[in-house]
Amino acid sequence: MTRQPRSVLRTPPAFPESALPSLVQKLQRPEALVKAQALAFLIFEKHDLRATEAFLTDFGMCSVSRTDKQLLMRGAGPQPCLLLIRKGQRSRYVGAAFAVRSEADLVRLEAESNARRLPTGSIPGGGTGVELTTRPGISYGWLPGSSRSIRCHCGIRPTLSPTIQDSSAG
């Protein structure tokens, strides 16, 4: 008789709704107001923007812009920004921005969830958007479409390779 090792994750049995055990109740969830099409970027606060920029550059990200209050970083793809980092007293996650299908989704969020319209020029890559903030202070932005792009020419650093010293050289 062979036993599966304990470290293997097992999938619990799946039941069609009609065959669910009586103790299992289906969760009642409200219908979604809008559906996110893609993650646009993440938002963080950091105390030292220069050190953060150096750290992220070492991992292959490119700096789009840096001011005394804000740093925008991007990757190699078409997104204008992957990370929006604001100067803060401590390092913390602030929120995320998501792309939605259209401007109509933004209007629906404003009307039905008290989202506030973001000021012009506050969104990396331009455009319009709204913001929702949860009780713990996590902020979620919603932007129509994902056609925004910023050209970025990043210098590619040479690959670091270990130096091998020849012990026979005298």
Protein backbone atom coordinates (compact mmCIF):
# COMPACT_ATOMS: atom_id res chain seq x y z
CA MET A 1 0.00 0.00 0.00
CA THR A 2 1.48 3.35 -1.01
CA ARG A 3 0.62 6.55 0.80
CA GLN A 4 0.90 10.03 -0.60
CA PRO A 5 3.51 12.15 1.16
CA ARG A 6 2.04 14.64 3.63
CA SER A 7 3.56 17.58 1.76
CA VAL A 8 1.30 17.05 -1.26
CA LEU A 9 -1.61 19.46 -1.43
CA ARG A 10 -4.88 17.74 -2.03
CA THR A 11 -7.79 19.35 -3.82
CA PRO A 12 -11.00 19.02 -1.82
CA PRO A 13 -13.78 17.13 -3.57
CA ALA A 14 -15.92 19.26 -5.86
CA PHE A 15 -19.68 18.95 -5.77
CA PRO A 16 -22.24 20.31 -8.23
CA GLU A 17 -24.56 22.77 -6.49
CA SER A 18 -27.39 20.25 -6.51
CA ALA A 19 -25.25 17.72 -4.59
CA LEU A 20 -23.75 20.02 -1.97
CA PRO A 21 -23.86 18.68 1.57
CA SER A 22 -26.59 20.36 3.63
CA LEU A 23 -24.09 22.09 5.92
CA VAL A 24 -22.49 23.95 2.99
CA GLN A 25 -24.27 27.18 2.14
CA LYS A 26 -23.69 29.14 -1.02
CA LEU A 27 -22.27 32.60 -0.37
CA GLN A 28 -24.57 35.44 -1.31
CA ARG A 29 -22.47 38.03 -3.11
CA PRO A 30 -23.62 41.30 -4.61
CA GLU A 31 -23.22 41.73 -8.33
CA ALA A 32 -19.98 43.54 -9.26
CA LEU A 33 -20.37 47.20 -10.25
CA VAL A 34 -17.49 46.94 -12.73
CA LYS A 35 -14.89 44.34 -13.59
CA ALA A 36 -11.20 45.12 -13.75
CA GLN A 37 -9.67 44.32 -17.14
CA ALA A 38 -6.05 44.52 -15.97
CA LEU A 39 -3.80 45.78 -13.21
CA ALA A 40 -2.53 49.24 -14.23
CA PHE A 41 0.02 49.90 -11.45
CA LEU A 42 0.71 49.58 -7.73
CA ILE A 43 1.09 52.51 -5.33
CA PHE A 44 3.54 52.60 -2.41
CA GLU A 45 4.97 55.14 0.01
CA LYS A 46 8.69 55.11 0.77
CA HIS A 47 10.83 57.37 2.91
CA ASP A 48 13.87 57.47 0.58
CA LEU A 49 12.96 57.79 -3.10
CA ARG A 50 16.58 57.78 -4.32
CA ALA A 51 17.38 54.50 -2.57
CA THR A 52 14.10 53.02 -3.85
CA GLU A 53 14.94 54.07 -7.41
CA ALA A 54 18.42 52.52 -7.18
CA PHE A 55 16.97 49.29 -5.76
CA LEU A 56 14.31 48.97 -8.49
CA THR A 57 16.79 49.87 -11.24
CA ASP A 58 19.00 47.00 -10.07
CA PHE A 59 16.03 44.71 -10.75
CA GLY A 60 15.65 45.95 -14.32
CA MET A 61 12.98 48.60 -13.91
CA CYS A 62 13.33 52.00 -15.57
CA SER A 63 12.69 55.36 -13.98
CA VAL A 64 10.07 57.33 -15.93
CA SER A 65 10.21 60.40 -13.70
CA ARG A 66 11.30 61.42 -10.23
CA THR A 67 10.48 64.52 -8.24
CA ASP A 68 11.01 65.28 -4.57
CA LYS A 69 7.54 63.85 -3.84
CA GLN A 70 7.01 61.05 -6.36
CA LEU A 71 8.79 58.34 -8.35
CA LEU A 72 7.38 56.52 -11.40
CA MET A 73 8.95 53.22 -12.44
CA ARG A 74 8.15 51.00 -15.40
CA GLY A 75 9.21 47.70 -16.90
CA ALA A 76 9.90 46.67 -20.49
CA GLY A 77 6.23 46.41 -21.54
CA PRO A 78 3.88 49.07 -22.94
CA GLN A 79 2.51 50.20 -19.56
CA PRO A 80 3.49 53.77 -18.71
CA CYS A 81 4.04 52.85 -15.08
CA LEU A 82 4.19 49.70 -12.97
CA LEU A 83 4.93 51.41 -9.67
CA LEU A 84 3.92 54.83 -8.39
CA ILE A 85 5.95 55.58 -5.27
CA ARG A 86 5.17 58.64 -3.17
CA LYS A 87 7.38 60.11 -0.47
CA GLY A 88 6.06 59.15 2.95
CA GLN A 89 7.05 58.91 6.59
CA ARG A 90 7.24 55.11 6.45
CA SER A 91 7.27 52.34 3.88
CA ARG A 92 3.78 51.08 3.17
CA TYR A 93 1.47 49.75 0.50
CA VAL A 94 -1.04 52.44 -0.48
CA GLY A 95 -3.12 50.75 -3.16
CA ALA A 96 -3.49 49.74 -6.78
CA ALA A 97 -4.99 51.06 -10.00
CA PHE A 98 -6.96 48.89 -12.40
CA ALA A 99 -8.00 49.33 -16.02
CA VAL A 100 -11.74 49.11 -16.70
CA ARG A 101 -13.57 48.78 -20.00
CA SER A 102 -14.77 52.35 -20.54
CA GLU A 103 -15.56 55.80 -19.19
CA ALA A 104 -19.09 54.50 -18.50
CA ASP A 105 -17.62 52.21 -15.83
CA LEU A 106 -16.07 55.25 -14.13
CA VAL A 107 -19.40 57.08 -14.17
CA ARG A 108 -21.09 54.04 -12.62
CA LEU A 109 -18.45 53.85 -9.86
CA GLU A 110 -18.91 57.56 -9.11
CA ALA A 111 -22.69 57.24 -8.95
CA GLU A 112 -23.02 53.99 -7.01
CA SER A 113 -19.98 53.84 -4.72
CA ASN A 114 -19.04 57.47 -3.99
CA ALA A 115 -15.77 57.22 -5.90
CA ARG A 116 -14.06 60.58 -6.38
CA ARG A 117 -12.84 61.79 -9.76
CA LEU A 118 -9.03 62.08 -9.92
CA PRO A 119 -7.61 65.47 -10.96
CA THR A 120 -6.25 65.88 -14.49
CA GLY A 121 -2.54 65.11 -14.62
CA SER A 122 -2.50 62.87 -11.55
CA ILE A 123 -2.55 59.60 -13.52
CA PRO A 124 0.74 58.27 -14.95
CA GLY A 125 0.41 58.23 -18.72
CA GLY A 126 -2.49 60.69 -18.65
CA GLY A 127 -6.18 60.09 -18.88
CA THR A 128 -9.06 60.08 -16.44
CA GLY A 129 -9.89 57.95 -13.46
CA VAL A 130 -11.69 57.64 -10.14
CA GLU A 131 -10.51 56.58 -6.70
CA LEU A 132 -12.10 54.54 -3.92
CA THR A 133 -10.58 54.36 -0.45
CA THR A 134 -11.31 51.54 1.99
CA ARG A 135 -11.53 51.92 5.76
CA PRO A 136 -7.93 50.90 6.48
CA GLY A 137 -6.87 53.63 4.03
CA ILE A 138 -6.09 51.41 1.03
CA SER A 139 -6.74 53.30 -2.18
CA TYR A 140 -7.98 51.75 -5.42
CA GLY A 141 -7.90 53.64 -8.70
CA TRP A 142 -9.91 52.81 -11.80
CA LEU A 143 -8.80 53.95 -15.26
CA PRO A 144 -10.61 53.41 -18.56
CA GLY A 145 -8.81 51.21 -21.08
CA SER A 146 -5.18 50.27 -21.20
CA SER A 147 -4.03 52.10 -24.31
CA ARG A 148 -1.87 54.59 -22.43
CA SER A 149 1.86 54.46 -23.12
CA ILE A 150 4.99 56.45 -22.42
CA ARG A 151 8.19 56.09 -24.38
CA CYS A 152 11.10 55.24 -22.16
CA HIS A 153 14.69 54.70 -23.19
CA CYS A 154 16.48 52.88 -20.44
CA GLY A 155 20.16 52.18 -20.50
CA ILE A 156 20.74 48.47 -20.16
CA ARG A 157 23.39 47.63 -17.64
CA PRO A 158 25.87 44.92 -18.54
CA THR A 159 25.37 41.61 -16.79
CA LEU A 160 27.45 41.28 -13.66
CA SER A 161 29.81 38.34 -13.76
CA PRO A 162 32.13 37.12 -11.07
CA THR A 163 35.79 37.82 -11.56
CA ILE A 164 37.96 34.75 -11.39
CA GLN A 165 41.44 35.29 -10.16
CA ASP A 166 44.12 33.07 -11.61
CA SER A 167 46.00 31.57 -8.66
CA SER A 168 48.90 30.51 -10.93
CA ALA A 169 49.71 34.12 -11.89
CA GLY A 170 52.56 35.29 -9.87
